[in-house]
Amino acid sequence: MILYETARLYLALRKLALPKDLLLYGRDEFEQLRDSEHHIVGRAQREGKVLHARA
């Protein structure tokens, strides 16, 4: 599922003339990493901003 979603998002964003990296994690994996001091998921949890939320 993650691989399909990654491909779908890359295709949707390919027209943007900006460099981009997509990091997708499943809920279980995110929950394991969210409190990590040294992992990007932990940093995103602490410092990140929601740009778009589901309605």
PDB file of N, CA and C in Angstrom:
ATOM      1  N   MET A   1       0.818  -1.195   0.000  1.00  0.00           N
ATOM      2  CA  MET A   1       0.000   0.000   0.000  1.00  0.00           C
ATOM      3  C   MET A   1       0.861   1.259   0.000  1.00  0.00           C
ATOM      4  N   ILE A   2       1.930   1.266   0.801  1.00  0.00           N
ATOM      5  CA  ILE A   2       2.802   2.443   0.867  1.00  0.00           C
ATOM      6  C   ILE A   2       3.455   2.706  -0.490  1.00  0.00           C
ATOM      7  N   LEU A   3       3.898   1.659  -1.165  1.00  0.00           N
ATOM      8  CA  LEU A   3       4.525   1.835  -2.474  1.00  0.00           C
ATOM      9  C   LEU A   3       3.548   2.440  -3.467  1.00  0.00           C
ATOM     10  N   TYR A   4       2.312   1.972  -3.489  1.00  0.00           N
ATOM     11  CA  TYR A   4       1.288   2.522  -4.375  1.00  0.00           C
ATOM     12  C   TYR A   4       1.038   3.992  -4.051  1.00  0.00           C
ATOM     13  N   GLU A   5       0.926   4.306  -2.779  1.00  0.00           N
ATOM     14  CA  GLU A   5       0.659   5.684  -2.368  1.00  0.00           C
ATOM     15  C   GLU A   5       1.830   6.596  -2.718  1.00  0.00           C
ATOM     16  N   THR A   6       3.060   6.119  -2.549  1.00  0.00           N
ATOM     17  CA  THR A   6       4.235   6.899  -2.923  1.00  0.00           C
ATOM     18  C   THR A   6       4.212   7.218  -4.411  1.00  0.00           C
ATOM     19  N   ALA A   7       3.963   6.219  -5.245  1.00  0.00           N
ATOM     20  CA  ALA A   7       3.908   6.428  -6.692  1.00  0.00           C
ATOM     21  C   ALA A   7       2.793   7.404  -7.055  1.00  0.00           C
ATOM     22  N   ARG A   8       1.647   7.263  -6.425  1.00  0.00           N
ATOM     23  CA  ARG A   8       0.516   8.155  -6.709  1.00  0.00           C
ATOM     24  C   ARG A   8       0.869   9.604  -6.371  1.00  0.00           C
ATOM     25  N   LEU A   9       1.519   9.804  -5.239  1.00  0.00           N
ATOM     26  CA  LEU A   9       1.883  11.159  -4.842  1.00  0.00           C
ATOM     27  C   LEU A   9       2.970  11.749  -5.731  1.00  0.00           C
ATOM     28  N   TYR A  10       3.976  10.966  -6.083  1.00  0.00           N
ATOM     29  CA  TYR A  10       5.010  11.462  -6.994  1.00  0.00           C
ATOM     30  C   TYR A  10       4.392  11.895  -8.321  1.00  0.00           C
ATOM     31  N   LEU A  11       3.480  11.102  -8.847  1.00  0.00           N
ATOM     32  CA  LEU A  11       2.824  11.470 -10.098  1.00  0.00           C
ATOM     33  C   LEU A  11       1.995  12.740  -9.947  1.00  0.00           C
ATOM     34  N   ALA A  12       1.311  12.874  -8.832  1.00  0.00           N
ATOM     35  CA  ALA A  12       0.484  14.050  -8.602  1.00  0.00           C
ATOM     36  C   ALA A  12       1.330  15.318  -8.447  1.00  0.00           C
ATOM     37  N   LEU A  13       2.543  15.185  -7.918  1.00  0.00           N
ATOM     38  CA  LEU A  13       3.387  16.346  -7.638  1.00  0.00           C
ATOM     39  C   LEU A  13       4.454  16.600  -8.693  1.00  0.00           C
ATOM     40  N   ARG A  14       4.542  15.771  -9.702  1.00  0.00           N
ATOM     41  CA  ARG A  14       5.646  15.868 -10.664  1.00  0.00           C
ATOM     42  C   ARG A  14       5.663  17.173 -11.446  1.00  0.00           C
ATOM     43  N   LYS A  15       4.541  17.829 -11.600  1.00  0.00           N
ATOM     44  CA  LYS A  15       4.500  19.070 -12.365  1.00  0.00           C
ATOM     45  C   LYS A  15       5.028  20.271 -11.583  1.00  0.00           C
ATOM     46  N   LEU A  16       5.168  20.123 -10.287  1.00  0.00           N
ATOM     47  CA  LEU A  16       5.727  21.204  -9.485  1.00  0.00           C
ATOM     48  C   LEU A  16       7.223  21.297  -9.761  1.00  0.00           C
ATOM     49  N   ALA A  17       7.670  22.462 -10.118  1.00  0.00           N
ATOM     50  CA  ALA A  17       9.083  22.657 -10.444  1.00  0.00           C
ATOM     51  C   ALA A  17       9.877  22.954  -9.177  1.00  0.00           C
ATOM     52  N   LEU A  18       9.718  22.098  -8.188  1.00  0.00           N
ATOM     53  CA  LEU A  18      10.410  22.250  -6.911  1.00  0.00           C
ATOM     54  C   LEU A  18      11.020  20.917  -6.504  1.00  0.00           C
ATOM     55  N   PRO A  19      12.183  20.963  -5.871  1.00  0.00           N
ATOM     56  CA  PRO A  19      12.722  19.709  -5.354  1.00  0.00           C
ATOM     57  C   PRO A  19      11.823  19.195  -4.231  1.00  0.00           C
ATOM     58  N   LYS A  20      11.671  17.899  -4.150  1.00  0.00           N
ATOM     59  CA  LYS A  20      10.805  17.333  -3.113  1.00  0.00           C
ATOM     60  C   LYS A  20      11.245  15.922  -2.750  1.00  0.00           C
ATOM     61  N   ASP A  21      11.039  15.598  -1.514  1.00  0.00           N
ATOM     62  CA  ASP A  21      11.250  14.244  -1.004  1.00  0.00           C
ATOM     63  C   ASP A  21       9.963  13.842  -0.302  1.00  0.00           C
ATOM     64  N   LEU A  22       9.509  12.655  -0.572  1.00  0.00           N
ATOM     65  CA  LEU A  22       8.318  12.127   0.096  1.00  0.00           C
ATOM     66  C   LEU A  22       8.749  10.999   1.022  1.00  0.00           C
ATOM     67  N   LEU A  23       8.359  11.105   2.261  1.00  0.00           N
ATOM     68  CA  LEU A  23       8.635  10.059   3.245  1.00  0.00           C
ATOM     69  C   LEU A  23       7.294   9.585   3.765  1.00  0.00           C
ATOM     70  N   LEU A  24       6.929   8.374   3.438  1.00  0.00           N
ATOM     71  CA  LEU A  24       5.641   7.832   3.860  1.00  0.00           C
ATOM     72  C   LEU A  24       5.863   6.705   4.851  1.00  0.00           C
ATOM     73  N   TYR A  25       5.089   6.741   5.931  1.00  0.00           N
ATOM     74  CA  TYR A  25       5.163   5.730   6.973  1.00  0.00           C
ATOM     75  C   TYR A  25       3.759   5.250   7.284  1.00  0.00           C
ATOM     76  N   GLY A  26       3.622   3.977   7.566  1.00  0.00           N
ATOM     77  CA  GLY A  26       2.358   3.438   8.037  1.00  0.00           C
ATOM     78  C   GLY A  26       2.105   3.917   9.467  1.00  0.00           C
ATOM     79  N   ARG A  27       0.876   3.804   9.914  1.00  0.00           N
ATOM     80  CA  ARG A  27       0.527   4.273  11.263  1.00  0.00           C
ATOM     81  C   ARG A  27       1.343   3.574  12.347  1.00  0.00           C
ATOM     82  N   ASP A  28       1.483   2.270  12.229  1.00  0.00           N
ATOM     83  CA  ASP A  28       2.238   1.522  13.249  1.00  0.00           C
ATOM     84  C   ASP A  28       3.698   1.971  13.293  1.00  0.00           C
ATOM     85  N   GLU A  29       4.294   2.107  12.123  1.00  0.00           N
ATOM     86  CA  GLU A  29       5.695   2.528  12.056  1.00  0.00           C
ATOM     87  C   GLU A  29       5.850   3.952  12.602  1.00  0.00           C
ATOM     88  N   PHE A  30       4.923   4.834  12.245  1.00  0.00           N
ATOM     89  CA  PHE A  30       4.964   6.204  12.753  1.00  0.00           C
ATOM     90  C   PHE A  30       4.865   6.226  14.276  1.00  0.00           C
ATOM     91  N   GLU A  31       3.949   5.438  14.831  1.00  0.00           N
ATOM     92  CA  GLU A  31       3.778   5.403  16.282  1.00  0.00           C
ATOM     93  C   GLU A  31       5.052   4.924  16.981  1.00  0.00           C
ATOM     94  N   GLN A  32       5.770   3.999  16.367  1.00  0.00           N
ATOM     95  CA  GLN A  32       7.018   3.512  16.954  1.00  0.00           C
ATOM     96  C   GLN A  32       8.106   4.575  16.930  1.00  0.00           C
ATOM     97  N   LEU A  33       8.092   5.436  15.919  1.00  0.00           N
ATOM     98  CA  LEU A  33       9.178   6.395  15.722  1.00  0.00           C
ATOM     99  C   LEU A  33       8.874   7.809  16.209  1.00  0.00           C
ATOM    100  N   ARG A  34       7.638   8.098  16.551  1.00  0.00           N
ATOM    101  CA  ARG A  34       7.224   9.482  16.832  1.00  0.00           C
ATOM    102  C   ARG A  34       7.931  10.125  18.017  1.00  0.00           C
ATOM    103  N   ASP A  35       8.382   9.356  18.976  1.00  0.00           N
ATOM    104  CA  ASP A  35       9.071   9.916  20.139  1.00  0.00           C
ATOM    105  C   ASP A  35      10.589   9.840  20.026  1.00  0.00           C
ATOM    106  N   SER A  36      11.082   9.373  18.891  1.00  0.00           N
ATOM    107  CA  SER A  36      12.519   9.258  18.692  1.00  0.00           C
ATOM    108  C   SER A  36      13.155  10.641  18.595  1.00  0.00           C
ATOM    109  N   GLU A  37      14.217  10.813  19.358  1.00  0.00           N
ATOM    110  CA  GLU A  37      14.911  12.101  19.356  1.00  0.00           C
ATOM    111  C   GLU A  37      15.723  12.306  18.081  1.00  0.00           C
ATOM    112  N   HIS A  38      16.155  11.218  17.436  1.00  0.00           N
ATOM    113  CA  HIS A  38      17.096  11.326  16.324  1.00  0.00           C
ATOM    114  C   HIS A  38      16.529  10.892  14.976  1.00  0.00           C
ATOM    115  N   HIS A  39      15.261  10.591  14.894  1.00  0.00           N
ATOM    116  CA  HIS A  39      14.665  10.154  13.629  1.00  0.00           C
ATOM    117  C   HIS A  39      13.821  11.276  13.046  1.00  0.00           C
ATOM    118  N   ILE A  40      13.754  11.362  11.736  1.00  0.00           N
ATOM    119  CA  ILE A  40      12.999  12.422  11.068  1.00  0.00           C
ATOM    120  C   ILE A  40      11.528  12.429  11.493  1.00  0.00           C
ATOM    121  N   VAL A  41      10.980  11.273  11.780  1.00  0.00           N
ATOM    122  CA  VAL A  41       9.581  11.204  12.220  1.00  0.00           C
ATOM    123  C   VAL A  41       9.419  11.903  13.577  1.00  0.00           C
ATOM    124  N   GLY A  42      10.340  11.672  14.487  1.00  0.00           N
ATOM    125  CA  GLY A  42      10.286  12.331  15.784  1.00  0.00           C
ATOM    126  C   GLY A  42      10.439  13.846  15.648  1.00  0.00           C
ATOM    127  N   ARG A  43      11.338  14.260  14.801  1.00  0.00           N
ATOM    128  CA  ARG A  43      11.529  15.706  14.587  1.00  0.00           C
ATOM    129  C   ARG A  43      10.296  16.327  13.950  1.00  0.00           C
ATOM    130  N   ALA A  44       9.711  15.646  12.991  1.00  0.00           N
ATOM    131  CA  ALA A  44       8.487  16.149  12.359  1.00  0.00           C
ATOM    132  C   ALA A  44       7.362  16.246  13.378  1.00  0.00           C
ATOM    133  N   GLN A  45       7.272  15.276  14.261  1.00  0.00           N
ATOM    134  CA  GLN A  45       6.238  15.295  15.299  1.00  0.00           C
ATOM    135  C   GLN A  45       6.424  16.493  16.229  1.00  0.00           C
ATOM    136  N   ARG A  46       7.674  16.791  16.561  1.00  0.00           N
ATOM    137  CA  ARG A  46       7.954  17.902  17.478  1.00  0.00           C
ATOM    138  C   ARG A  46       7.866  19.266  16.801  1.00  0.00           C
ATOM    139  N   GLU A  47       8.389  19.383  15.569  1.00  0.00           N
ATOM    140  CA  GLU A  47       8.576  20.701  14.954  1.00  0.00           C
ATOM    141  C   GLU A  47       7.723  20.939  13.716  1.00  0.00           C
ATOM    142  N   GLY A  48       7.059  19.891  13.224  1.00  0.00           N
ATOM    143  CA  GLY A  48       6.353  20.002  11.953  1.00  0.00           C
ATOM    144  C   GLY A  48       5.073  20.837  12.026  1.00  0.00           C
ATOM    145  N   LYS A  49       4.607  21.210  10.853  1.00  0.00           N
ATOM    146  CA  LYS A  49       3.369  21.974  10.718  1.00  0.00           C
ATOM    147  C   LYS A  49       2.426  21.220   9.790  1.00  0.00           C
ATOM    148  N   VAL A  50       1.161  21.199  10.122  1.00  0.00           N
ATOM    149  CA  VAL A  50       0.164  20.579   9.260  1.00  0.00           C
ATOM    150  C   VAL A  50      -0.126  21.555   8.118  1.00  0.00           C
ATOM    151  N   LEU A  51       0.111  21.104   6.885  1.00  0.00           N
ATOM    152  CA  LEU A  51      -0.155  21.939   5.726  1.00  0.00           C
ATOM    153  C   LEU A  51      -1.545  21.676   5.156  1.00  0.00           C
ATOM    154  N   HIS A  52      -2.010  20.452   5.336  1.00  0.00           N
ATOM    155  CA  HIS A  52      -3.333  20.085   4.834  1.00  0.00           C
ATOM    156  C   HIS A  52      -3.847  18.925   5.676  1.00  0.00           C
ATOM    157  N   ALA A  53      -5.038  19.055   6.183  1.00  0.00           N
ATOM    158  CA  ALA A  53      -5.628  17.993   7.001  1.00  0.00           C
ATOM    159  C   ALA A  53      -6.897  17.487   6.328  1.00  0.00           C
ATOM    160  N   ARG A  54      -7.181  16.231   6.539  1.00  0.00           N
ATOM    161  CA  ARG A  54      -8.420  15.658   6.010  1.00  0.00           C
ATOM    162  C   ARG A  54      -9.610  16.325   6.667  1.00  0.00           C
ATOM    163  N   ALA A  55     -10.652  16.463   5.888  1.00  0.00           N
ATOM    164  CA  ALA A  55     -11.878  17.097   6.426  1.00  0.00           C
ATOM    165  C   ALA A  55     -12.645  16.127   7.300  1.00  0.00           C
TER     166      ALA A  55
END
